């Protein structure tokens, strides 16, 4: 089947570039003695996770229990779940999952640790738990080395739990000093930090500059997107993921409408202007969206598209876009080779 026969909008992945991206990061991390634990939230596809594992990844990272359950069902055995798991129903699912696979977790509060400990004891499992510290995003994470050390001791002394180390996102200039100070505080208590999990795709080629980091989590690198281009972490020839759309209307001389809107591209801007880069018309400005319509200003383009013309869009953020599609189409040299169901799509719980 030729790629031109696909109905639009359609999310496609260049299989050669996908394989090259997986191989490139694995080689880099191997050269620097850093474990690779890719984040599957980008693709949510077990077949791609297996490609990453076969290339040398030590395990995978999932963001929600539903993702982890989907990956475990596909036979993947080593899963890191760096999220505060709270509530009886989720903890019950967590214990069931821990009986099937090697599972590690994070926590940033005593509240979370107490819930994990109670669930582990009741379920008869031992859960490795890492302390998450804030990497500067003001998301989750303890705020100081003192807090990190204090929570690590709570974990180490909690029945059913094992202190698994430290985790942060993204890795940056704050990471090593924070880890060293936390290690010093814990050494006094006789507690060692065996794992420091860092992360981030824009930061991936700097992973070796963080001496304390023992493993790296990256997700977006596998596909690539406009944000990765802007960060300089990837070049256009590395981008494997795109959305093919069709121009369905030309209401004015300068404006065109694509058959993909907010239900295709999401609304993530990530500090960028517009909602994506149109490869065939790089001067175009993808300035707005309604649910099923992409609004594009083609006025600065030397040539304007015709109605019915297909255009290729590199989205700002591939992770949220891939989650909007039921399937991803794998192509090679313009030919369709595989249709992958996005197995963990919508697995938000």
Foldseek 3Di string as FASTA:
>chain_A
DFLVPDDPFAKAFAPVLLLVLLLVLLVLCVVLQAAEAAEALLQLFLVSLVSNVVSPHPAYEYAALLSVVLNVVVPGAAYEHEDQQDDDVSLLSVLVSVVRHQYEYEDADVRSLVSNLVSLVVSVAAYAYEFEAEPPPPDDHDDALVSRLVVLVVQCPRHRYHHAAYEYPADDPVPQVRRVVNQVVVVVVVDHHPAYEHEDQLCSSVVSVRVRHRYYYYYCSSADFPQSCVSVSDHPVSHGIKTKWFFADDPDPFKTKTQAFCLQQNDDQVPHFAFWAWVVQRVKHQHHGDHGITIIGSPPGPDDDDGGDMIITGGHRSSVNSLSDQWYFYDHPRHTDDITGSSSRPVPD
